[in-house]
Amino acid sequence: MKSIAALQKLVTATPFDGEPSDAELDAIEVEMPLILAEVELLDARLPLLDRPATSLDERRIRRARNRVLAIRRDMTNRATAEQAGGAA
């Protein structure tokens, strides 16, 4: 009886070295302003889990939310402009 193990190709993937690729690092760098704005929004919301919001808290949350939305808008517009520029 023949052994079929010798007839099979090696299926294991290349070993993962645990480090992000250059493309992944570039993507993180592009998204870093949004990441920081979202962290700021979380920092504004977390203290309100165990106490009621004051007017200062509400203002801080509103500003942080507006900052997140503005950065998302800018990133979307930049991506749209890059796609339109690449297609032309």
PDB file of N, CA and C in Angstrom:
ATOM      1  N   MET A   1       0.835  -1.161   0.000  1.00  0.00           N
ATOM      2  CA  MET A   1       0.000   0.000   0.000  1.00  0.00           C
ATOM      3  C   MET A   1       0.891   1.239   0.000  1.00  0.00           C
ATOM      4  N   LYS A   2       0.525   2.202  -0.876  1.00  0.00           N
ATOM      5  CA  LYS A   2       1.325   3.416  -0.983  1.00  0.00           C
ATOM      6  C   LYS A   2       0.917   4.428   0.091  1.00  0.00           C
ATOM      7  N   SER A   3       1.864   5.184   0.491  1.00  0.00           N
ATOM      8  CA  SER A   3       1.587   6.255   1.442  1.00  0.00           C
ATOM      9  C   SER A   3       1.236   7.510   0.647  1.00  0.00           C
ATOM     10  N   ILE A   4       0.120   8.121   0.952  1.00  0.00           N
ATOM     11  CA  ILE A   4      -0.284   9.315   0.209  1.00  0.00           C
ATOM     12  C   ILE A   4       0.341  10.585   0.783  1.00  0.00           C
ATOM     13  N   ALA A   5       0.969  10.497   1.918  1.00  0.00           N
ATOM     14  CA  ALA A   5       1.570  11.675   2.532  1.00  0.00           C
ATOM     15  C   ALA A   5       2.670  12.255   1.649  1.00  0.00           C
ATOM     16  N   ALA A   6       3.382  11.420   0.959  1.00  0.00           N
ATOM     17  CA  ALA A   6       4.472  11.899   0.119  1.00  0.00           C
ATOM     18  C   ALA A   6       3.935  12.597  -1.133  1.00  0.00           C
ATOM     19  N   LEU A   7       2.698  12.327  -1.500  1.00  0.00           N
ATOM     20  CA  LEU A   7       2.134  12.912  -2.697  1.00  0.00           C
ATOM     21  C   LEU A   7       1.476  14.279  -2.443  1.00  0.00           C
ATOM     22  N   GLN A   8       1.273  14.622  -1.199  1.00  0.00           N
ATOM     23  CA  GLN A   8       0.611  15.880  -0.884  1.00  0.00           C
ATOM     24  C   GLN A   8       1.620  17.026  -0.858  1.00  0.00           C
ATOM     25  N   LYS A   9       1.111  18.192  -1.242  1.00  0.00           N
ATOM     26  CA  LYS A   9       1.941  19.386  -1.164  1.00  0.00           C
ATOM     27  C   LYS A   9       1.947  19.901   0.273  1.00  0.00           C
ATOM     28  N   LEU A  10       2.962  20.640   0.585  1.00  0.00           N
ATOM     29  CA  LEU A  10       3.050  21.253   1.891  1.00  0.00           C
ATOM     30  C   LEU A  10       1.990  22.348   2.000  1.00  0.00           C
ATOM     31  N   VAL A  11       1.159  22.298   3.016  1.00  0.00           N
ATOM     32  CA  VAL A  11       0.013  23.182   3.120  1.00  0.00           C
ATOM     33  C   VAL A  11       0.258  24.320   4.119  1.00  0.00           C
ATOM     34  N   THR A  12       1.241  24.210   4.931  1.00  0.00           N
ATOM     35  CA  THR A  12       1.445  25.230   5.953  1.00  0.00           C
ATOM     36  C   THR A  12       1.833  26.554   5.313  1.00  0.00           C
ATOM     37  N   ALA A  13       1.337  27.613   5.890  1.00  0.00           N
ATOM     38  CA  ALA A  13       1.618  28.951   5.379  1.00  0.00           C
ATOM     39  C   ALA A  13       3.008  29.393   5.814  1.00  0.00           C
ATOM     40  N   THR A  14       3.438  30.484   5.246  1.00  0.00           N
ATOM     41  CA  THR A  14       4.720  31.029   5.663  1.00  0.00           C
ATOM     42  C   THR A  14       4.629  31.452   7.125  1.00  0.00           C
ATOM     43  N   PRO A  15       5.672  31.314   7.849  1.00  0.00           N
ATOM     44  CA  PRO A  15       5.605  31.636   9.275  1.00  0.00           C
ATOM     45  C   PRO A  15       5.338  33.125   9.497  1.00  0.00           C
ATOM     46  N   PHE A  16       4.501  33.410  10.480  1.00  0.00           N
ATOM     47  CA  PHE A  16       4.139  34.785  10.813  1.00  0.00           C
ATOM     48  C   PHE A  16       5.160  35.315  11.808  1.00  0.00           C
ATOM     49  N   ASP A  17       5.789  36.437  11.476  1.00  0.00           N
ATOM     50  CA  ASP A  17       6.825  36.961  12.358  1.00  0.00           C
ATOM     51  C   ASP A  17       6.286  37.898  13.426  1.00  0.00           C
ATOM     52  N   GLY A  18       4.976  38.204  13.389  1.00  0.00           N
ATOM     53  CA  GLY A  18       4.364  39.006  14.429  1.00  0.00           C
ATOM     54  C   GLY A  18       4.487  40.504  14.238  1.00  0.00           C
ATOM     55  N   GLU A  19       5.168  40.948  13.238  1.00  0.00           N
ATOM     56  CA  GLU A  19       5.349  42.372  13.000  1.00  0.00           C
ATOM     57  C   GLU A  19       4.442  42.834  11.867  1.00  0.00           C
ATOM     58  N   PRO A  20       3.892  44.055  11.956  1.00  0.00           N
ATOM     59  CA  PRO A  20       3.062  44.557  10.868  1.00  0.00           C
ATOM     60  C   PRO A  20       3.914  44.893   9.645  1.00  0.00           C
ATOM     61  N   SER A  21       3.311  44.764   8.495  1.00  0.00           N
ATOM     62  CA  SER A  21       4.018  45.084   7.260  1.00  0.00           C
ATOM     63  C   SER A  21       4.101  46.597   7.091  1.00  0.00           C
ATOM     64  N   ASP A  22       4.882  47.036   6.127  1.00  0.00           N
ATOM     65  CA  ASP A  22       5.002  48.470   5.855  1.00  0.00           C
ATOM     66  C   ASP A  22       3.662  49.061   5.418  1.00  0.00           C
ATOM     67  N   ALA A  23       2.904  48.315   4.646  1.00  0.00           N
ATOM     68  CA  ALA A  23       1.590  48.799   4.203  1.00  0.00           C
ATOM     69  C   ALA A  23       0.644  48.957   5.387  1.00  0.00           C
ATOM     70  N   GLU A  24       0.684  48.018   6.324  1.00  0.00           N
ATOM     71  CA  GLU A  24      -0.167  48.122   7.509  1.00  0.00           C
ATOM     72  C   GLU A  24       0.240  49.312   8.376  1.00  0.00           C
ATOM     73  N   LEU A  25       1.529  49.546   8.517  1.00  0.00           N
ATOM     74  CA  LEU A  25       2.000  50.702   9.279  1.00  0.00           C
ATOM     75  C   LEU A  25       1.590  52.009   8.618  1.00  0.00           C
ATOM     76  N   ASP A  26       1.638  52.055   7.293  1.00  0.00           N
ATOM     77  CA  ASP A  26       1.199  53.253   6.573  1.00  0.00           C
ATOM     78  C   ASP A  26      -0.300  53.502   6.781  1.00  0.00           C
ATOM     79  N   ALA A  27      -1.088  52.431   6.762  1.00  0.00           N
ATOM     80  CA  ALA A  27      -2.525  52.571   6.971  1.00  0.00           C
ATOM     81  C   ALA A  27      -2.826  53.072   8.385  1.00  0.00           C
ATOM     82  N   ILE A  28      -2.083  52.579   9.357  1.00  0.00           N
ATOM     83  CA  ILE A  28      -2.263  53.034  10.735  1.00  0.00           C
ATOM     84  C   ILE A  28      -1.899  54.506  10.851  1.00  0.00           C
ATOM     85  N   GLU A  29      -0.822  54.900  10.196  1.00  0.00           N
ATOM     86  CA  GLU A  29      -0.394  56.301  10.250  1.00  0.00           C
ATOM     87  C   GLU A  29      -1.440  57.225   9.628  1.00  0.00           C
ATOM     88  N   VAL A  30      -2.073  56.779   8.547  1.00  0.00           N
ATOM     89  CA  VAL A  30      -3.116  57.587   7.909  1.00  0.00           C
ATOM     90  C   VAL A  30      -4.328  57.722   8.824  1.00  0.00           C
ATOM     91  N   GLU A  31      -4.657  56.655   9.544  1.00  0.00           N
ATOM     92  CA  GLU A  31      -5.837  56.653  10.396  1.00  0.00           C
ATOM     93  C   GLU A  31      -5.572  57.158  11.814  1.00  0.00           C
ATOM     94  N   MET A  32      -4.331  57.503  12.139  1.00  0.00           N
ATOM     95  CA  MET A  32      -3.996  57.889  13.510  1.00  0.00           C
ATOM     96  C   MET A  32      -4.781  59.101  14.016  1.00  0.00           C
ATOM     97  N   PRO A  33      -5.030  60.152  13.226  1.00  0.00           N
ATOM     98  CA  PRO A  33      -5.850  61.250  13.755  1.00  0.00           C
ATOM     99  C   PRO A  33      -7.250  60.796  14.176  1.00  0.00           C
ATOM    100  N   LEU A  34      -7.847  59.900  13.416  1.00  0.00           N
ATOM    101  CA  LEU A  34      -9.167  59.384  13.772  1.00  0.00           C
ATOM    102  C   LEU A  34      -9.086  58.534  15.035  1.00  0.00           C
ATOM    103  N   ILE A  35      -8.064  57.721  15.146  1.00  0.00           N
ATOM    104  CA  ILE A  35      -7.893  56.885  16.334  1.00  0.00           C
ATOM    105  C   ILE A  35      -7.767  57.755  17.573  1.00  0.00           C
ATOM    106  N   LEU A  36      -6.951  58.802  17.494  1.00  0.00           N
ATOM    107  CA  LEU A  36      -6.762  59.684  18.640  1.00  0.00           C
ATOM    108  C   LEU A  36      -8.046  60.436  18.989  1.00  0.00           C
ATOM    109  N   ALA A  37      -8.810  60.844  17.988  1.00  0.00           N
ATOM    110  CA  ALA A  37     -10.071  61.544  18.245  1.00  0.00           C
ATOM    111  C   ALA A  37     -11.079  60.608  18.898  1.00  0.00           C
ATOM    112  N   GLU A  38     -11.112  59.352  18.474  1.00  0.00           N
ATOM    113  CA  GLU A  38     -12.030  58.399  19.081  1.00  0.00           C
ATOM    114  C   GLU A  38     -11.627  58.078  20.517  1.00  0.00           C
ATOM    115  N   VAL A  39     -10.329  58.030  20.787  1.00  0.00           N
ATOM    116  CA  VAL A  39      -9.860  57.825  22.163  1.00  0.00           C
ATOM    117  C   VAL A  39     -10.284  59.008  23.033  1.00  0.00           C
ATOM    118  N   GLU A  40     -10.172  60.210  22.499  1.00  0.00           N
ATOM    119  CA  GLU A  40     -10.595  61.390  23.245  1.00  0.00           C
ATOM    120  C   GLU A  40     -12.100  61.341  23.540  1.00  0.00           C
ATOM    121  N   LEU A  41     -12.886  60.875  22.585  1.00  0.00           N
ATOM    122  CA  LEU A  41     -14.326  60.740  22.804  1.00  0.00           C
ATOM    123  C   LEU A  41     -14.607  59.710  23.902  1.00  0.00           C
ATOM    124  N   LEU A  42     -13.890  58.607  23.881  1.00  0.00           N
ATOM    125  CA  LEU A  42     -14.055  57.606  24.939  1.00  0.00           C
ATOM    126  C   LEU A  42     -13.650  58.170  26.294  1.00  0.00           C
ATOM    127  N   ASP A  43     -12.572  58.940  26.316  1.00  0.00           N
ATOM    128  CA  ASP A  43     -12.136  59.555  27.571  1.00  0.00           C
ATOM    129  C   ASP A  43     -13.196  60.503  28.116  1.00  0.00           C
ATOM    130  N   ALA A  44     -13.936  61.138  27.253  1.00  0.00           N
ATOM    131  CA  ALA A  44     -14.999  62.032  27.692  1.00  0.00           C
ATOM    132  C   ALA A  44     -16.219  61.258  28.180  1.00  0.00           C
ATOM    133  N   ARG A  45     -16.479  60.105  27.608  1.00  0.00           N
ATOM    134  CA  ARG A  45     -17.675  59.334  27.964  1.00  0.00           C
ATOM    135  C   ARG A  45     -17.490  58.429  29.176  1.00  0.00           C
ATOM    136  N   LEU A  46     -16.295  57.890  29.366  1.00  0.00           N
ATOM    137  CA  LEU A  46     -16.090  56.897  30.421  1.00  0.00           C
ATOM    138  C   LEU A  46     -16.411  57.404  31.827  1.00  0.00           C
ATOM    139  N   PRO A  47     -16.023  58.603  32.211  1.00  0.00           N
ATOM    140  CA  PRO A  47     -16.366  59.034  33.582  1.00  0.00           C
ATOM    141  C   PRO A  47     -17.868  59.126  33.829  1.00  0.00           C
ATOM    142  N   LEU A  48     -18.647  59.199  32.787  1.00  0.00           N
ATOM    143  CA  LEU A  48     -20.092  59.354  32.945  1.00  0.00           C
ATOM    144  C   LEU A  48     -20.809  58.036  33.163  1.00  0.00           C
ATOM    145  N   LEU A  49     -20.059  56.943  33.238  1.00  0.00           N
ATOM    146  CA  LEU A  49     -20.695  55.653  33.498  1.00  0.00           C
ATOM    147  C   LEU A  49     -21.197  55.555  34.936  1.00  0.00           C
ATOM    148  N   ASP A  50     -20.563  56.297  35.852  1.00  0.00           N
ATOM    149  CA  ASP A  50     -20.955  56.175  37.250  1.00  0.00           C
ATOM    150  C   ASP A  50     -21.439  57.488  37.867  1.00  0.00           C
ATOM    151  N   ARG A  51     -21.646  58.494  37.044  1.00  0.00           N
ATOM    152  CA  ARG A  51     -22.171  59.758  37.560  1.00  0.00           C
ATOM    153  C   ARG A  51     -22.934  60.474  36.459  1.00  0.00           C
ATOM    154  N   PRO A  52     -23.835  61.364  36.825  1.00  0.00           N
ATOM    155  CA  PRO A  52     -24.584  62.113  35.807  1.00  0.00           C
ATOM    156  C   PRO A  52     -23.679  63.146  35.119  1.00  0.00           C
ATOM    157  N   ALA A  53     -24.049  63.481  33.913  1.00  0.00           N
ATOM    158  CA  ALA A  53     -23.259  64.428  33.124  1.00  0.00           C
ATOM    159  C   ALA A  53     -23.578  65.853  33.538  1.00  0.00           C
ATOM    160  N   THR A  54     -22.531  66.650  33.643  1.00  0.00           N
ATOM    161  CA  THR A  54     -22.707  68.071  33.886  1.00  0.00           C
ATOM    162  C   THR A  54     -22.713  68.784  32.539  1.00  0.00           C
ATOM    163  N   SER A  55     -22.971  70.070  32.548  1.00  0.00           N
ATOM    164  CA  SER A  55     -22.956  70.811  31.288  1.00  0.00           C
ATOM    165  C   SER A  55     -21.551  70.832  30.689  1.00  0.00           C
ATOM    166  N   LEU A  56     -20.527  70.846  31.533  1.00  0.00           N
ATOM    167  CA  LEU A  56     -19.149  70.791  31.045  1.00  0.00           C
ATOM    168  C   LEU A  56     -18.863  69.448  30.374  1.00  0.00           C
ATOM    169  N   ASP A  57     -19.366  68.368  30.969  1.00  0.00           N
ATOM    170  CA  ASP A  57     -19.204  67.037  30.373  1.00  0.00           C
ATOM    171  C   ASP A  57     -19.899  66.963  29.021  1.00  0.00           C
ATOM    172  N   GLU A  58     -21.091  67.483  28.953  1.00  0.00           N
ATOM    173  CA  GLU A  58     -21.839  67.457  27.689  1.00  0.00           C
ATOM    174  C   GLU A  58     -21.107  68.238  26.603  1.00  0.00           C
ATOM    175  N   ARG A  59     -20.539  69.372  26.991  1.00  0.00           N
ATOM    176  CA  ARG A  59     -19.786  70.177  26.029  1.00  0.00           C
ATOM    177  C   ARG A  59     -18.534  69.432  25.559  1.00  0.00           C
ATOM    178  N   ARG A  60     -17.853  68.772  26.496  1.00  0.00           N
ATOM    179  CA  ARG A  60     -16.646  68.006  26.140  1.00  0.00           C
ATOM    180  C   ARG A  60     -16.985  66.865  25.181  1.00  0.00           C
ATOM    181  N   ILE A  61     -18.087  66.170  25.450  1.00  0.00           N
ATOM    182  CA  ILE A  61     -18.505  65.071  24.574  1.00  0.00           C
ATOM    183  C   ILE A  61     -18.893  65.605  23.203  1.00  0.00           C
ATOM    184  N   ARG A  62     -19.628  66.690  23.180  1.00  0.00           N
ATOM    185  CA  ARG A  62     -20.045  67.268  21.897  1.00  0.00           C
ATOM    186  C   ARG A  62     -18.838  67.689  21.061  1.00  0.00           C
ATOM    187  N   ARG A  63     -17.859  68.311  21.689  1.00  0.00           N
ATOM    188  CA  ARG A  63     -16.656  68.714  20.952  1.00  0.00           C
ATOM    189  C   ARG A  63     -15.875  67.507  20.445  1.00  0.00           C
ATOM    190  N   ALA A  64     -15.754  66.495  21.286  1.00  0.00           N
ATOM    191  CA  ALA A  64     -15.031  65.293  20.870  1.00  0.00           C
ATOM    192  C   ALA A  64     -15.767  64.594  19.730  1.00  0.00           C
ATOM    193  N   ARG A  65     -17.103  64.513  19.808  1.00  0.00           N
ATOM    194  CA  ARG A  65     -17.885  63.884  18.745  1.00  0.00           C
ATOM    195  C   ARG A  65     -17.759  64.668  17.439  1.00  0.00           C
ATOM    196  N   ASN A  66     -17.807  65.990  17.541  1.00  0.00           N
ATOM    197  CA  ASN A  66     -17.647  66.818  16.341  1.00  0.00           C
ATOM    198  C   ASN A  66     -16.260  66.652  15.724  1.00  0.00           C
ATOM    199  N   ARG A  67     -15.250  66.500  16.568  1.00  0.00           N
ATOM    200  CA  ARG A  67     -13.897  66.289  16.057  1.00  0.00           C
ATOM    201  C   ARG A  67     -13.800  64.954  15.307  1.00  0.00           C
ATOM    202  N   VAL A  68     -14.411  63.907  15.876  1.00  0.00           N
ATOM    203  CA  VAL A  68     -14.410  62.595  15.205  1.00  0.00           C
ATOM    204  C   VAL A  68     -15.113  62.703  13.848  1.00  0.00           C
ATOM    205  N   LEU A  69     -16.265  63.349  13.832  1.00  0.00           N
ATOM    206  CA  LEU A  69     -17.014  63.481  12.582  1.00  0.00           C
ATOM    207  C   LEU A  69     -16.241  64.295  11.549  1.00  0.00           C
ATOM    208  N   ALA A  70     -15.578  65.349  11.974  1.00  0.00           N
ATOM    209  CA  ALA A  70     -14.807  66.177  11.047  1.00  0.00           C
ATOM    210  C   ALA A  70     -13.632  65.396  10.455  1.00  0.00           C
ATOM    211  N   ILE A  71     -12.973  64.611  11.268  1.00  0.00           N
ATOM    212  CA  ILE A  71     -11.847  63.820  10.765  1.00  0.00           C
ATOM    213  C   ILE A  71     -12.345  62.738   9.817  1.00  0.00           C
ATOM    214  N   ARG A  72     -13.464  62.092  10.159  1.00  0.00           N
ATOM    215  CA  ARG A  72     -14.034  61.089   9.244  1.00  0.00           C
ATOM    216  C   ARG A  72     -14.411  61.724   7.904  1.00  0.00           C
ATOM    217  N   ARG A  73     -15.006  62.930   7.961  1.00  0.00           N
ATOM    218  CA  ARG A  73     -15.370  63.635   6.737  1.00  0.00           C
ATOM    219  C   ARG A  73     -14.135  63.927   5.901  1.00  0.00           C
ATOM    220  N   ASP A  74     -13.076  64.428   6.549  1.00  0.00           N
ATOM    221  CA  ASP A  74     -11.850  64.751   5.827  1.00  0.00           C
ATOM    222  C   ASP A  74     -11.213  63.503   5.210  1.00  0.00           C
ATOM    223  N   MET A  75     -11.224  62.405   5.954  1.00  0.00           N
ATOM    224  CA  MET A  75     -10.645  61.166   5.422  1.00  0.00           C
ATOM    225  C   MET A  75     -11.461  60.653   4.239  1.00  0.00           C
ATOM    226  N   THR A  76     -12.776  60.742   4.329  1.00  0.00           N
ATOM    227  CA  THR A  76     -13.633  60.298   3.237  1.00  0.00           C
ATOM    228  C   THR A  76     -13.430  61.162   2.000  1.00  0.00           C
ATOM    229  N   ASN A  77     -13.369  62.474   2.215  1.00  0.00           N
ATOM    230  CA  ASN A  77     -13.145  63.375   1.083  1.00  0.00           C
ATOM    231  C   ASN A  77     -11.786  63.132   0.443  1.00  0.00           C
ATOM    232  N   ARG A  78     -10.777  62.871   1.261  1.00  0.00           N
ATOM    233  CA  ARG A  78      -9.442  62.608   0.733  1.00  0.00           C
ATOM    234  C   ARG A  78      -9.433  61.307  -0.065  1.00  0.00           C
ATOM    235  N   ALA A  79     -10.101  60.284   0.439  1.00  0.00           N
ATOM    236  CA  ALA A  79     -10.155  59.000  -0.273  1.00  0.00           C
ATOM    237  C   ALA A  79     -10.925  59.149  -1.587  1.00  0.00           C
ATOM    238  N   THR A  80     -12.012  59.911  -1.559  1.00  0.00           N
ATOM    239  CA  THR A  80     -12.800  60.131  -2.770  1.00  0.00           C
ATOM    240  C   THR A  80     -11.997  60.896  -3.810  1.00  0.00           C
ATOM    241  N   ALA A  81     -11.258  61.903  -3.351  1.00  0.00           N
ATOM    242  CA  ALA A  81     -10.433  62.688  -4.265  1.00  0.00           C
ATOM    243  C   ALA A  81      -9.312  61.840  -4.867  1.00  0.00           C
ATOM    244  N   GLU A  82      -8.739  60.952  -4.065  1.00  0.00           N
ATOM    245  CA  GLU A  82      -7.677  60.081  -4.581  1.00  0.00           C
ATOM    246  C   GLU A  82      -8.230  59.107  -5.620  1.00  0.00           C
ATOM    247  N   GLN A  83      -9.425  58.574  -5.370  1.00  0.00           N
ATOM    248  CA  GLN A  83     -10.017  57.657  -6.332  1.00  0.00           C
ATOM    249  C   GLN A  83     -10.385  58.379  -7.609  1.00  0.00           C
ATOM    250  N   ALA A  84     -10.934  59.577  -7.495  1.00  0.00           N
ATOM    251  CA  ALA A  84     -11.310  60.328  -8.682  1.00  0.00           C
ATOM    252  C   ALA A  84     -10.052  60.769  -9.452  1.00  0.00           C
ATOM    253  N   GLY A  85      -9.016  61.131  -8.730  1.00  0.00           N
ATOM    254  CA  GLY A  85      -7.776  61.534  -9.378  1.00  0.00           C
ATOM    255  C   GLY A  85      -7.080  60.369 -10.060  1.00  0.00           C
ATOM    256  N   GLY A  86      -7.178  59.170  -9.462  1.00  0.00           N
ATOM    257  CA  GLY A  86      -6.561  58.006 -10.071  1.00  0.00           C
ATOM    258  C   GLY A  86      -7.300  57.510 -11.293  1.00  0.00           C
ATOM    259  N   ALA A  87      -8.612  57.745 -11.337  1.00  0.00           N
ATOM    260  CA  ALA A  87      -9.412  57.248 -12.439  1.00  0.00           C
ATOM    261  C   ALA A  87      -9.340  58.165 -13.656  1.00  0.00           C
ATOM    262  N   ALA A  88      -8.974  59.408 -13.426  1.00  0.00           N
ATOM    263  CA  ALA A  88      -8.950  60.373 -14.531  1.00  0.00           C
ATOM    264  C   ALA A  88      -7.744  60.212 -15.400  1.00  0.00           C
TER     265      ALA A  88
END
